[in-house]
Amino acid sequence: MKKTWWKEGIVYQIYPRSYKDNTGNGVGDILGIIEKLDYIKSLGVDIIWLCPVYESPNDDNGYDISDYRNISDEFGGNDAFDSLLEEMHKRDLKLVMDLVLNHSSDEHKWFKESRKSKDNPYRDYYFWQEAKNGKEPNNWKSFFSGSVWQKDDITDEYFLHLFTKKQPDLNWENPKVREEIHNIVEFWCKKGVDGFRMDVISLISKQTDFPDSHVPDNYGETIKTYYANGPKIHQYLNELNQKVLSKYDIMTVGEGPGIDLETGLDYVHEDRNELNMIFHFGHMFIDNGVGGKYDPIEVSLPTFKKVFNDWDAKIYPKGWGSIFLGNHDFSRMVSRFGNTEEYHNKSAKLLALLLFTMRGTVYVYQGDEIGMTNVAYPDISYYNDVETLNSYKEALAKGRDMDAFLKLVHRQSRDNARTPMQWNSSKNSGFSDAVPWLEVNSNYTQINVENQEKDKDSILHFYRKMSRFRKTNKVMVYGDYECLNEDDTNLYFYNRYNDAETYIILLNFSNKKQTLDFAKYDLTNTDLALSNYSENFDAFLQPWEAQIRKYKS
């Protein structure tokens, strides 16, 4: 297998407005990130993925870009960005920019021109359709509730927006649009950035006849069948690679809503020259019912394991994977997959050990290294996320039990991952001297970086230990993977191995002690390499215990 820096690298994702405010306006900024670069470096990471910091009206917190070549003054402007890039490179940290190429802001100059008239030169930069039987052109629903179509009174036509109405979808069918995008990517490559995370890249090719969804109430199926993996998706990505990406030593990772085992490898196959990696959401949508995230279903550990098993078998050896359990669009990983009550410390460490012992590039989301948890604001007025607020309005209009729905918001809102970073136990957790843009989680006096720096048994120190272990044991990067107990409902065991060595990873995803079958797995022939417990017992795994054992040669 070809070895590269982006396969071996560990990525740390930063949501800038929630990381560190250095200007005193309650919003995180680039100078705040620069202040914390030594801390970030201490985690053992190599790459920072920076969520959007471009000029934007912030209808979706920067994922609605109004100027692709300029950094928002809210984050510090272009000079601050140049300083960040310089300071990162001094520390041998690489910078991956978040690029939103499926849609722009409706305040981008292209869209302002596009809506002026049907014969405007920019009209075909976006998708415009006439009404159908006096209504929207089709029955597609937005990711953020409501129709994907918005009527514009200036020309009496509808424009397409798969997300908010302030995020009109770009028309990649138009070669001028693709040329504009190529030039934007080239601009940042020449600036010296080290790669791109490409937002919802699986959606850029549309079915331009815009057929009705045959299952409009089945959220996941509609995305997969009608929004994602369009007829020209691979043509567009290959063209982008050929004309720009291949000229630079950069990494690319695409966000892939709607991709599955049948389509995923096509994006990252080494012979296709498209992307290096893709984020699939097999495990992240695992608890979504037919109606989406606010229609949750129960999930079993075998189902969770099957996602990892199936994707590993599909991707390798011709592609490369992305390993993550949380980001800015999902609940906190320890709240979702661990136990934040009795076993917060142990379950957070177990999930870290899982991340760092899987095949693929590891992604750590800010705050997960200290086990930050979901927030439970007392009412909807505390929330900021457009998806959450729209879903709440929709539930209210449908007459749902809103107390019960608020509990779903506590569990599923994207704001769970966006509460300010918890640095210390001072006011506003050391994030800002001003009132933060989003209220700090009330548990910040217990869960924060300063406390965990002092505690050698902390989650923070365990993340550092795991990053060192992965870097010194490349079998965790490039070695093969084999699940050993697919059907077990409490335990997740797997081997990571190559021709020279074999490790077995033992994870107890339960609140109870679990008996270890030493004979079945030949564990008497192993040495304990690492664990999240200080004391280990041969006969059983303790609640939420995680072990790495190495087979003796």
Protein backbone atom coordinates (compact mmCIF):
# COMPACT_ATOMS: atom_id res chain seq x y z
CA MET A 1 0.00 0.00 0.00
CA LYS A 2 1.33 3.43 -0.96
CA LYS A 3 2.36 5.41 2.12
CA THR A 4 1.55 9.12 2.34
CA TRP A 5 1.53 11.87 4.96
CA TRP A 6 -2.24 12.24 4.89
CA LYS A 7 -2.76 8.55 5.62
CA GLU A 8 -0.47 8.70 8.63
CA GLY A 9 -1.62 12.13 9.80
CA ILE A 10 -4.06 12.76 12.66
CA VAL A 11 -6.60 15.49 11.95
CA TYR A 12 -7.97 17.94 14.51
CA GLN A 13 -11.17 19.68 13.44
CA ILE A 14 -11.79 23.24 14.60
CA TYR A 15 -15.16 25.01 14.55
CA PRO A 16 -13.68 28.53 14.71
CA ARG A 17 -16.56 30.47 16.26
CA SER A 18 -16.57 28.07 19.21
CA TYR A 19 -12.83 27.57 19.79
CA LYS A 20 -11.28 30.69 21.38
CA ASP A 21 -12.33 34.34 21.29
CA ASN A 22 -9.33 36.66 21.30
CA THR A 23 -11.09 39.89 20.35
CA GLY A 24 -13.72 39.99 23.08
CA ASN A 25 -16.87 39.87 20.95
CA GLY A 26 -18.12 36.46 22.08
CA VAL A 27 -17.20 34.75 18.81
CA GLY A 28 -14.13 32.56 18.36
CA ASP A 29 -11.56 33.82 15.90
CA ILE A 30 -8.33 33.02 14.10
CA LEU A 31 -6.14 34.83 16.65
CA GLY A 32 -7.67 32.57 19.29
CA ILE A 33 -6.64 29.52 17.28
CA ILE A 34 -3.10 30.88 16.91
CA GLU A 35 -2.96 31.31 20.70
CA LYS A 36 -3.79 27.61 21.12
CA LEU A 37 -1.50 26.13 18.44
CA ASP A 38 1.00 24.80 20.97
CA TYR A 39 -1.82 23.07 22.82
CA ILE A 40 -3.05 21.59 19.55
CA LYS A 41 0.46 20.43 18.68
CA SER A 42 0.71 18.78 22.10
CA LEU A 43 -2.19 16.50 21.19
CA GLY A 44 0.03 14.75 18.66
CA VAL A 45 -2.05 15.87 15.69
CA ASP A 46 -0.52 16.79 12.35
CA ILE A 47 -3.35 18.46 10.45
CA ILE A 48 -5.98 21.06 11.33
CA TRP A 49 -9.27 21.02 9.44
CA LEU A 50 -10.65 24.53 9.72
CA CYS A 51 -14.41 24.96 9.27
CA PRO A 52 -15.37 27.90 7.00
CA VAL A 53 -13.94 31.32 7.83
CA TYR A 54 -14.80 33.05 4.54
CA GLU A 55 -17.02 36.09 4.21
CA SER A 56 -20.57 34.99 4.91
CA PRO A 57 -23.90 36.28 6.24
CA ASN A 58 -23.83 33.21 8.53
CA ASP A 59 -27.27 31.85 7.83
CA ASP A 60 -25.62 28.44 8.33
CA ASN A 61 -22.58 29.61 10.30
CA GLY A 62 -20.25 30.08 7.35
CA TYR A 63 -21.44 27.23 5.15
CA ASP A 64 -23.11 29.96 3.08
CA ILE A 65 -20.16 31.70 1.45
CA SER A 66 -20.52 35.15 -0.08
CA ASP A 67 -16.84 35.56 -1.06
CA TYR A 68 -14.63 32.51 -1.57
CA ARG A 69 -11.37 34.44 -1.69
CA ASN A 70 -11.62 36.58 1.43
CA ILE A 71 -11.63 35.75 5.13
CA SER A 72 -14.40 37.28 7.22
CA ASP A 73 -13.45 40.22 9.41
CA GLU A 74 -15.42 38.52 12.17
CA PHE A 75 -12.66 35.88 12.27
CA GLY A 76 -9.81 38.35 11.81
CA GLY A 77 -9.64 38.87 8.05
CA ASN A 78 -6.96 37.91 5.53
CA ASP A 79 -3.99 39.07 7.61
CA ALA A 80 -4.98 36.86 10.53
CA PHE A 81 -5.38 33.90 8.19
CA ASP A 82 -1.92 34.47 6.69
CA SER A 83 -0.48 34.54 10.22
CA LEU A 84 -2.28 31.32 11.09
CA LEU A 85 -0.88 29.53 8.06
CA GLU A 86 2.62 30.78 8.84
CA GLU A 87 2.44 29.82 12.52
CA MET A 88 1.04 26.39 11.72
CA HIS A 89 3.75 25.62 9.20
CA LYS A 90 6.39 26.70 11.73
CA ARG A 91 5.07 23.92 13.95
CA ASP A 92 4.87 21.36 11.13
CA LEU A 93 1.07 21.50 11.24
CA LYS A 94 -0.81 21.31 7.96
CA LEU A 95 -3.98 23.29 7.20
CA VAL A 96 -7.01 21.80 5.49
CA MET A 97 -9.62 24.37 4.44
CA ASP A 98 -13.34 23.65 4.39
CA LEU A 99 -14.71 24.38 0.92
CA VAL A 100 -18.44 24.62 0.18
CA LEU A 101 -18.79 23.99 -3.54
CA ASN A 102 -22.34 22.65 -3.81
CA HIS A 103 -23.92 26.01 -3.01
CA SER A 104 -23.06 29.62 -2.29
CA SER A 105 -24.76 32.30 -0.24
CA ASP A 106 -27.64 34.16 -1.85
CA GLU A 107 -25.55 37.25 -1.04
CA HIS A 108 -22.73 36.10 -3.36
CA LYS A 109 -22.33 38.40 -6.35
CA TRP A 110 -23.09 35.49 -8.69
CA PHE A 111 -26.54 34.96 -7.21
CA LYS A 112 -27.30 38.65 -6.94
CA GLU A 113 -26.76 38.84 -10.69
CA SER A 114 -28.49 35.53 -11.41
CA ARG A 115 -31.80 36.61 -9.92
CA LYS A 116 -31.97 39.92 -11.81
CA SER A 117 -33.36 38.52 -15.06
CA LYS A 118 -33.76 35.34 -17.07
CA ASP A 119 -31.18 36.49 -19.61
CA ASN A 120 -28.55 37.65 -17.12
CA PRO A 121 -25.11 36.13 -17.90
CA TYR A 122 -25.08 34.59 -14.40
CA ARG A 123 -28.57 33.11 -14.65
CA ASP A 124 -27.27 29.60 -15.35
CA TYR A 125 -24.86 29.69 -12.42
CA TYR A 126 -27.83 28.34 -10.44
CA PHE A 127 -30.87 26.15 -11.05
CA TRP A 128 -34.04 28.01 -12.00
CA GLN A 129 -37.34 26.31 -12.79
CA GLU A 130 -40.86 27.38 -13.60
CA ALA A 131 -43.76 26.42 -11.37
CA LYS A 132 -45.36 23.03 -11.93
CA ASN A 133 -49.15 23.06 -11.76
CA GLY A 134 -48.90 26.34 -9.91
CA LYS A 135 -46.59 24.91 -7.22
CA GLU A 136 -42.95 23.94 -6.60
CA PRO A 137 -41.21 22.09 -9.48
CA ASN A 138 -41.08 18.83 -7.49
CA ASN A 139 -41.67 17.34 -4.03
CA TRP A 140 -38.07 17.32 -2.78
CA LYS A 141 -37.54 18.32 0.84
CA SER A 142 -34.65 20.38 2.13
CA PHE A 143 -32.05 18.99 4.53
CA PHE A 144 -33.24 21.80 6.81
CA SER A 145 -37.03 21.25 6.48
CA GLY A 146 -39.50 22.54 3.90
CA SER A 147 -39.23 22.49 0.13
CA VAL A 148 -35.92 22.74 -1.75
CA TRP A 149 -37.52 25.36 -3.98
CA GLN A 150 -37.88 29.07 -3.24
CA LYS A 151 -39.95 31.33 -5.48
CA ASP A 152 -38.26 34.57 -6.47
CA ASP A 153 -40.71 37.33 -7.36
CA ILE A 154 -38.30 39.19 -9.63
CA THR A 155 -38.58 36.60 -12.41
CA ASP A 156 -41.48 34.53 -11.06
CA GLU A 157 -39.35 31.35 -11.06
CA TYR A 158 -38.06 28.99 -8.38
CA PHE A 159 -34.41 28.43 -7.49
CA LEU A 160 -33.05 25.20 -5.99
CA HIS A 161 -31.61 25.07 -2.47
CA LEU A 162 -30.98 21.67 -0.91
CA PHE A 163 -30.19 23.46 2.36
CA THR A 164 -31.54 26.86 3.51
CA LYS A 165 -33.16 29.30 1.12
CA LYS A 166 -30.09 31.48 1.57
CA GLN A 167 -27.90 28.68 0.15
CA PRO A 168 -28.80 28.35 -3.55
CA ASP A 169 -27.23 25.34 -5.29
CA LEU A 170 -24.57 26.03 -7.89
CA ASN A 171 -25.09 24.64 -11.37
CA TRP A 172 -22.05 22.51 -12.12
CA GLU A 173 -23.57 21.71 -15.53
CA ASN A 174 -22.40 25.17 -16.55
CA PRO A 175 -18.70 24.99 -17.58
CA LYS A 176 -18.24 28.59 -16.46
CA VAL A 177 -19.22 27.59 -12.92
CA ARG A 178 -16.71 24.76 -12.95
CA GLU A 179 -14.02 27.11 -14.20
CA GLU A 180 -14.84 29.56 -11.41
CA ILE A 181 -14.55 26.74 -8.86
CA HIS A 182 -11.26 25.51 -10.32
CA ASN A 183 -9.88 29.03 -10.01
CA ILE A 184 -10.99 29.29 -6.37
CA VAL A 185 -9.31 26.00 -5.50
CA GLU A 186 -6.16 27.08 -7.34
CA PHE A 187 -6.16 30.36 -5.42
CA TRP A 188 -5.99 28.60 -2.06
CA CYS A 189 -3.46 26.03 -3.27
CA LYS A 190 -1.15 28.84 -4.35
CA LYS A 191 -1.75 30.47 -0.97
CA GLY A 192 -0.09 27.41 0.56
CA VAL A 193 -2.92 25.50 2.18
CA ASP A 194 -2.39 21.76 2.49
CA GLY A 195 -5.76 20.40 1.46
CA PHE A 196 -9.51 20.67 1.39
CA ARG A 197 -12.49 19.16 3.14
CA MET A 198 -15.24 19.44 0.54
CA ASP A 199 -18.69 19.99 1.99
CA VAL A 200 -21.51 17.72 0.70
CA ILE A 201 -19.46 17.03 -2.43
CA SER A 202 -21.59 14.00 -3.32
CA LEU A 203 -24.46 16.37 -4.18
CA ILE A 204 -22.86 18.57 -6.85
CA SER A 205 -24.26 16.65 -9.84
CA LYS A 206 -28.02 17.02 -10.21
CA GLN A 207 -30.70 15.04 -12.00
CA THR A 208 -31.62 17.99 -14.16
CA ASP A 209 -35.09 16.70 -15.00
CA PHE A 210 -35.81 16.98 -11.26
CA PRO A 211 -38.09 13.96 -10.88
CA ASP A 212 -40.43 13.69 -7.90
CA SER A 213 -39.16 11.51 -5.06
CA HIS A 214 -41.14 8.30 -4.90
CA VAL A 215 -40.50 8.22 -1.12
CA PRO A 216 -40.66 11.88 -0.04
CA ASP A 217 -41.12 11.00 3.62
CA ASN A 218 -38.11 8.67 3.68
CA TYR A 219 -35.30 11.12 4.34
CA GLY A 220 -32.32 8.82 3.84
CA GLU A 221 -33.64 7.09 0.74
CA THR A 222 -34.48 10.39 -0.94
CA ILE A 223 -30.96 11.72 -0.34
CA LYS A 224 -29.36 8.57 -1.72
CA THR A 225 -31.65 8.22 -4.73
CA TYR A 226 -32.29 11.81 -5.81
CA TYR A 227 -29.72 14.18 -4.33
CA ALA A 228 -26.44 12.27 -4.22
CA ASN A 229 -24.22 10.46 -6.75
CA GLY A 230 -25.65 12.32 -9.73
CA PRO A 231 -24.95 11.35 -13.34
CA LYS A 232 -21.85 13.55 -13.76
CA ILE A 233 -20.40 13.47 -10.25
CA HIS A 234 -17.26 11.55 -11.19
CA GLN A 235 -16.71 13.55 -14.36
CA TYR A 236 -16.71 16.74 -12.29
CA LEU A 237 -14.39 15.40 -9.59
CA ASN A 238 -11.97 13.92 -12.11
CA GLU A 239 -11.87 17.22 -13.96
CA LEU A 240 -11.19 19.14 -10.74
CA ASN A 241 -8.41 16.70 -9.87
CA GLN A 242 -6.86 16.81 -13.31
CA LYS A 243 -6.93 20.60 -13.68
CA VAL A 244 -5.97 21.63 -10.14
CA LEU A 245 -5.66 19.11 -7.31
CA SER A 246 -3.12 16.79 -8.93
CA LYS A 247 -0.67 19.67 -9.33
CA TYR A 248 -0.17 20.03 -5.58
CA ASP A 249 0.86 17.78 -2.68
CA ILE A 250 -2.40 18.20 -0.81
CA MET A 251 -5.04 16.00 0.82
CA THR A 252 -8.70 15.98 -0.13
CA VAL A 253 -11.59 14.58 1.84
CA GLY A 254 -15.16 14.81 0.65
CA GLU A 255 -18.29 14.83 2.76
CA GLY A 256 -20.53 12.16 1.27
CA PRO A 257 -24.19 12.25 2.31
CA GLY A 258 -26.05 9.62 0.32
CA ILE A 259 -23.05 7.48 -0.57
CA ASP A 260 -23.14 3.79 0.36
CA LEU A 261 -21.11 0.64 -0.09
CA GLU A 262 -22.06 0.48 -3.75
CA THR A 263 -20.89 4.00 -4.57
CA GLY A 264 -18.30 4.92 -1.92
CA LEU A 265 -15.17 3.37 -3.42
CA ASP A 266 -15.70 5.21 -6.71
CA TYR A 267 -14.87 8.51 -5.01
CA VAL A 268 -11.55 7.34 -3.55
CA HIS A 269 -10.27 4.53 -5.76
CA GLU A 270 -6.61 5.27 -6.35
CA ASP A 271 -6.92 4.63 -10.10
CA ARG A 272 -9.79 7.10 -10.58
CA ASN A 273 -7.94 10.29 -9.55
CA GLU A 274 -10.78 12.02 -7.74
CA LEU A 275 -10.53 12.35 -3.92
CA ASN A 276 -8.17 10.90 -1.31
CA MET A 277 -10.89 10.16 1.26
CA ILE A 278 -14.62 10.41 1.78
CA PHE A 279 -16.74 10.78 4.89
CA HIS A 280 -19.51 8.20 4.75
CA PHE A 281 -22.27 8.35 7.36
CA GLY A 282 -23.17 4.71 7.78
CA HIS A 283 -22.47 4.88 11.51
CA MET A 284 -23.50 8.51 11.98
CA PHE A 285 -27.03 8.08 10.62
CA ILE A 286 -27.32 4.71 12.34
CA ASP A 287 -29.97 5.92 14.79
CA ASN A 288 -32.01 7.85 12.20
CA GLY A 289 -35.46 6.52 11.47
CA VAL A 290 -37.43 7.01 8.26
CA GLY A 291 -38.11 10.62 9.20
CA GLY A 292 -34.46 11.46 9.88
CA LYS A 293 -32.59 12.41 13.05
CA TYR A 294 -35.70 13.58 14.90
CA ASP A 295 -37.29 10.20 14.30
CA PRO A 296 -34.66 8.14 16.15
CA ILE A 297 -34.43 4.38 16.43
CA GLU A 298 -32.50 2.15 18.82
CA VAL A 299 -29.17 0.78 17.65
CA SER A 300 -27.31 -2.38 18.62
CA LEU A 301 -23.55 -2.88 18.85
CA PRO A 302 -23.59 -5.54 16.09
CA THR A 303 -25.15 -2.98 13.74
CA PHE A 304 -22.43 -0.48 14.68
CA LYS A 305 -19.68 -3.05 14.10
CA LYS A 306 -21.15 -4.07 10.76
CA VAL A 307 -20.69 -0.54 9.42
CA PHE A 308 -16.96 -0.60 10.20
CA ASN A 309 -16.56 -4.15 8.93
CA ASP A 310 -18.37 -3.58 5.64
CA TRP A 311 -16.65 -0.30 4.81
CA ASP A 312 -13.19 -1.61 5.64
CA ALA A 313 -13.77 -4.62 3.39
CA LYS A 314 -15.04 -2.39 0.59
CA ILE A 315 -12.48 0.41 0.64
CA TYR A 316 -9.16 -1.43 0.98
CA PRO A 317 -6.68 -1.92 -0.56
CA LYS A 318 -7.62 0.37 -3.49
CA GLY A 319 -8.96 3.29 -1.47
CA TRP A 320 -8.55 5.02 1.87
CA GLY A 321 -10.99 5.73 4.68
CA SER A 322 -11.84 8.43 7.21
CA ILE A 323 -12.29 7.38 10.83
CA PHE A 324 -14.45 9.66 12.97
CA LEU A 325 -17.19 9.46 15.58
CA GLY A 326 -18.20 13.10 15.74
CA ASN A 327 -17.94 16.50 14.10
CA HIS A 328 -19.75 19.85 13.99
CA ASP A 329 -22.90 18.28 12.50
CA PHE A 330 -23.53 15.59 15.12
CA SER A 331 -24.01 15.08 18.83
CA ARG A 332 -20.96 14.72 21.05
CA MET A 333 -19.49 11.28 20.55
CA VAL A 334 -19.28 10.33 24.24
CA SER A 335 -22.94 11.31 24.73
CA ARG A 336 -23.93 9.31 21.69
CA PHE A 337 -21.79 6.18 21.84
CA GLY A 338 -20.51 6.18 25.44
CA ASN A 339 -21.87 6.62 28.96
CA THR A 340 -21.71 10.18 30.30
CA GLU A 341 -23.11 9.31 33.69
CA GLU A 342 -21.22 6.65 35.63
CA TYR A 343 -18.46 5.94 33.08
CA HIS A 344 -17.75 9.25 31.40
CA ASN A 345 -13.96 8.99 31.74
CA LYS A 346 -13.71 5.32 30.76
CA SER A 347 -16.16 5.41 27.87
CA ALA A 348 -14.56 8.55 26.38
CA LYS A 349 -11.20 6.78 26.51
CA LEU A 350 -12.66 3.62 24.98
CA LEU A 351 -13.99 5.61 22.03
CA ALA A 352 -10.60 7.31 21.62
CA LEU A 353 -8.90 3.93 21.59
CA LEU A 354 -11.35 2.75 18.94
CA LEU A 355 -10.60 5.79 16.77
CA PHE A 356 -6.84 5.46 17.03
CA THR A 357 -6.74 1.73 16.29
CA MET A 358 -8.86 1.72 13.12
CA ARG A 359 -7.56 1.65 9.57
CA GLY A 360 -7.95 5.04 7.93
CA THR A 361 -7.08 8.65 8.72
CA VAL A 362 -8.18 9.64 12.23
CA TYR A 363 -10.30 12.77 12.78
CA VAL A 364 -10.66 14.27 16.26
CA TYR A 365 -13.26 16.98 16.79
CA GLN A 366 -12.42 19.84 19.15
CA GLY A 367 -13.42 19.12 22.73
CA ASP A 368 -13.63 15.37 22.28
CA GLU A 369 -10.10 15.17 23.63
CA ILE A 370 -11.51 16.25 27.02
CA GLY A 371 -14.78 14.35 26.70
CA MET A 372 -17.10 17.32 26.13
CA THR A 373 -20.74 16.25 26.24
CA ASN A 374 -24.11 17.20 24.81
CA VAL A 375 -25.81 20.25 26.22
CA ALA A 376 -29.42 20.33 27.46
CA TYR A 377 -30.61 23.92 27.22
CA PRO A 378 -33.91 24.54 29.06
CA ASP A 379 -35.82 25.78 26.02
CA ILE A 380 -35.50 26.31 22.28
CA SER A 381 -34.59 30.01 22.60
CA TYR A 382 -31.07 29.01 23.65
CA TYR A 383 -30.41 27.20 20.36
CA ASN A 384 -28.78 28.75 17.29
CA ASP A 385 -28.55 26.00 14.66
CA VAL A 386 -30.80 26.60 11.66
CA GLU A 387 -31.51 22.89 11.25
CA THR A 388 -32.59 22.58 14.88
CA LEU A 389 -34.79 25.67 14.77
CA ASN A 390 -36.47 24.67 11.50
CA SER A 391 -37.11 21.15 12.77
CA TYR A 392 -38.64 22.57 15.93
CA LYS A 393 -40.97 24.83 13.94
CA GLU A 394 -41.98 21.93 11.74
CA ALA A 395 -42.69 19.73 14.77
CA LEU A 396 -44.74 22.53 16.35
CA ALA A 397 -46.79 22.94 13.16
CA LYS A 398 -47.49 19.20 13.14
CA GLY A 399 -48.79 19.31 16.69
CA ARG A 400 -46.09 17.10 18.19
CA ASP A 401 -45.48 16.87 21.93
CA MET A 402 -42.97 19.71 22.22
CA ASP A 403 -41.61 18.68 25.64
CA ALA A 404 -40.74 15.31 24.13
CA PHE A 405 -39.33 17.02 21.05
CA LEU A 406 -37.08 19.24 23.17
CA LYS A 407 -35.61 16.06 24.66
CA LEU A 408 -34.86 14.94 21.08
CA VAL A 409 -33.17 18.30 20.49
CA HIS A 410 -31.03 17.65 23.58
CA ARG A 411 -30.03 14.36 22.00
CA GLN A 412 -29.69 15.30 18.32
CA SER A 413 -29.09 19.04 17.80
CA ARG A 414 -25.96 20.10 15.98
CA ASP A 415 -25.49 22.75 18.69
CA ASN A 416 -24.39 19.92 20.99
CA ALA A 417 -21.05 20.00 19.19
CA ARG A 418 -20.93 23.78 18.85
CA THR A 419 -20.95 24.94 22.45
CA PRO A 420 -17.76 26.89 23.24
CA MET A 421 -14.57 25.00 23.94
CA GLN A 422 -14.10 24.43 27.66
CA TRP A 423 -10.65 25.73 28.55
CA ASN A 424 -10.93 26.29 32.30
CA SER A 425 -13.39 26.87 35.16
CA SER A 426 -13.39 30.67 34.93
CA LYS A 427 -16.30 32.65 33.55
CA ASN A 428 -17.46 31.36 30.14
CA SER A 429 -14.95 28.51 30.48
CA GLY A 430 -12.09 30.77 29.42
CA PHE A 431 -13.54 30.92 25.91
CA SER A 432 -14.39 34.63 25.96
CA ASP A 433 -14.59 37.66 28.24
CA ALA A 434 -17.84 38.60 26.51
CA VAL A 435 -21.19 36.83 26.35
CA PRO A 436 -20.55 33.86 24.05
CA TRP A 437 -22.50 33.54 20.81
CA LEU A 438 -23.79 30.20 22.15
CA GLU A 439 -24.09 29.48 25.86
CA VAL A 440 -21.33 27.38 27.41
CA ASN A 441 -22.25 23.90 28.63
CA SER A 442 -22.91 24.13 32.36
CA ASN A 443 -20.51 21.26 33.12
CA TYR A 444 -17.48 23.34 32.09
CA THR A 445 -16.27 23.72 35.68
CA GLN A 446 -15.74 19.94 35.83
CA ILE A 447 -14.85 19.18 32.21
CA ASN A 448 -12.13 21.51 30.95
CA VAL A 449 -8.57 21.51 29.62
CA GLU A 450 -6.98 23.08 32.71
CA ASN A 451 -8.37 20.44 35.05
CA GLN A 452 -7.31 17.62 32.77
CA GLU A 453 -3.81 18.96 32.23
CA LYS A 454 -3.29 18.46 35.99
CA ASP A 455 -4.77 14.95 36.08
CA LYS A 456 -2.51 12.25 34.63
CA ASP A 457 -5.53 9.90 34.43
CA SER A 458 -7.55 12.38 32.35
CA ILE A 459 -9.14 11.87 28.96
CA LEU A 460 -6.82 14.55 27.58
CA HIS A 461 -3.67 12.68 28.59
CA PHE A 462 -5.14 9.48 27.21
CA TYR A 463 -5.63 11.11 23.78
CA ARG A 464 -1.96 12.10 23.80
CA LYS A 465 -1.02 8.56 24.75
CA MET A 466 -3.13 7.16 21.90
CA SER A 467 -1.67 9.50 19.30
CA ARG A 468 1.86 8.49 20.35
CA PHE A 469 0.90 4.83 20.21
CA ARG A 470 -0.49 5.16 16.68
CA LYS A 471 2.55 7.05 15.43
CA THR A 472 4.98 4.47 16.80
CA ASN A 473 2.94 1.48 15.62
CA LYS A 474 2.25 1.94 11.91
CA VAL A 475 0.36 -1.35 11.85
CA MET A 476 -2.50 0.75 13.25
CA VAL A 477 -2.34 2.89 10.12
CA TYR A 478 -1.60 0.45 7.33
CA GLY A 479 -2.25 -2.97 8.84
CA ASP A 480 -5.18 -5.22 7.98
CA TYR A 481 -8.37 -5.29 10.05
CA GLU A 482 -10.42 -8.29 11.13
CA CYS A 483 -13.49 -8.23 13.40
CA LEU A 484 -13.59 -11.28 15.68
CA ASN A 485 -17.08 -11.16 17.21
CA GLU A 486 -19.57 -9.52 14.87
CA ASP A 487 -22.68 -10.73 16.72
CA ASP A 488 -21.69 -9.98 20.32
CA THR A 489 -24.00 -7.31 21.78
CA ASN A 490 -21.54 -6.03 24.41
CA LEU A 491 -18.01 -6.66 23.19
CA TYR A 492 -16.15 -5.45 20.11
CA PHE A 493 -12.94 -7.39 19.43
CA TYR A 494 -10.76 -6.97 16.34
CA ASN A 495 -7.25 -7.66 15.11
CA ARG A 496 -4.89 -5.19 13.45
CA TYR A 497 -2.04 -7.01 11.83
CA ASN A 498 0.62 -7.23 9.12
CA ASP A 499 3.22 -9.83 8.21
CA ALA A 500 5.36 -8.94 11.21
CA GLU A 501 2.96 -8.40 14.10
CA THR A 502 -0.61 -8.74 15.32
CA TYR A 503 -2.55 -6.74 17.89
CA ILE A 504 -5.95 -7.59 19.32
CA ILE A 505 -8.21 -4.74 20.48
CA LEU A 506 -10.73 -5.57 23.21
CA LEU A 507 -13.61 -3.14 23.85
CA ASN A 508 -16.40 -3.55 26.39
CA PHE A 509 -19.33 -1.36 25.30
CA SER A 510 -21.35 -2.04 28.45
CA ASN A 511 -21.85 -1.02 32.06
CA LYS A 512 -21.13 -4.54 33.31
CA LYS A 513 -18.09 -6.75 33.67
CA GLN A 514 -17.73 -9.10 30.73
CA THR A 515 -15.99 -12.46 30.88
CA LEU A 516 -12.90 -12.83 28.71
CA ASP A 517 -12.50 -16.11 26.84
CA PHE A 518 -8.71 -16.37 26.95
CA ALA A 519 -8.67 -19.75 25.22
CA LYS A 520 -10.87 -18.71 22.29
CA TYR A 521 -8.72 -15.69 21.43
CA ASP A 522 -5.39 -17.17 22.59
CA LEU A 523 -4.98 -14.26 25.00
CA THR A 524 -2.45 -16.12 27.12
CA ASN A 525 -0.12 -15.57 24.18
CA THR A 526 -0.44 -11.76 24.41
CA ASP A 527 1.13 -8.90 26.32
CA LEU A 528 -0.94 -5.91 27.39
CA ALA A 529 0.22 -2.86 25.40
CA LEU A 530 -2.25 -0.22 26.53
CA SER A 531 -5.50 0.11 28.50
CA ASN A 532 -7.89 2.74 29.80
CA TYR A 533 -7.81 1.14 33.27
CA SER A 534 -4.87 1.19 35.64
CA GLU A 535 -5.70 -2.31 36.88
CA ASN A 536 -6.50 -5.17 34.53
CA PHE A 537 -7.82 -8.62 35.30
CA ASP A 538 -7.28 -11.70 33.18
CA ALA A 539 -10.73 -13.12 33.77
CA PHE A 540 -12.88 -10.23 32.60
CA LEU A 541 -13.13 -6.76 31.10
CA GLN A 542 -14.41 -4.10 33.46
CA PRO A 543 -17.25 -1.74 32.41
CA TRP A 544 -16.17 0.29 29.36
CA GLU A 545 -12.70 -1.19 29.51
CA ALA A 546 -10.54 -1.00 26.42
CA GLN A 547 -7.32 -2.93 25.89
CA ILE A 548 -4.70 -3.25 23.20
CA ARG A 549 -2.82 -6.56 23.42
CA LYS A 550 0.09 -7.66 21.26
CA TYR A 551 0.56 -11.29 20.31
CA LYS A 552 3.96 -12.67 21.16
CA SER A 553 6.06 -13.62 18.17
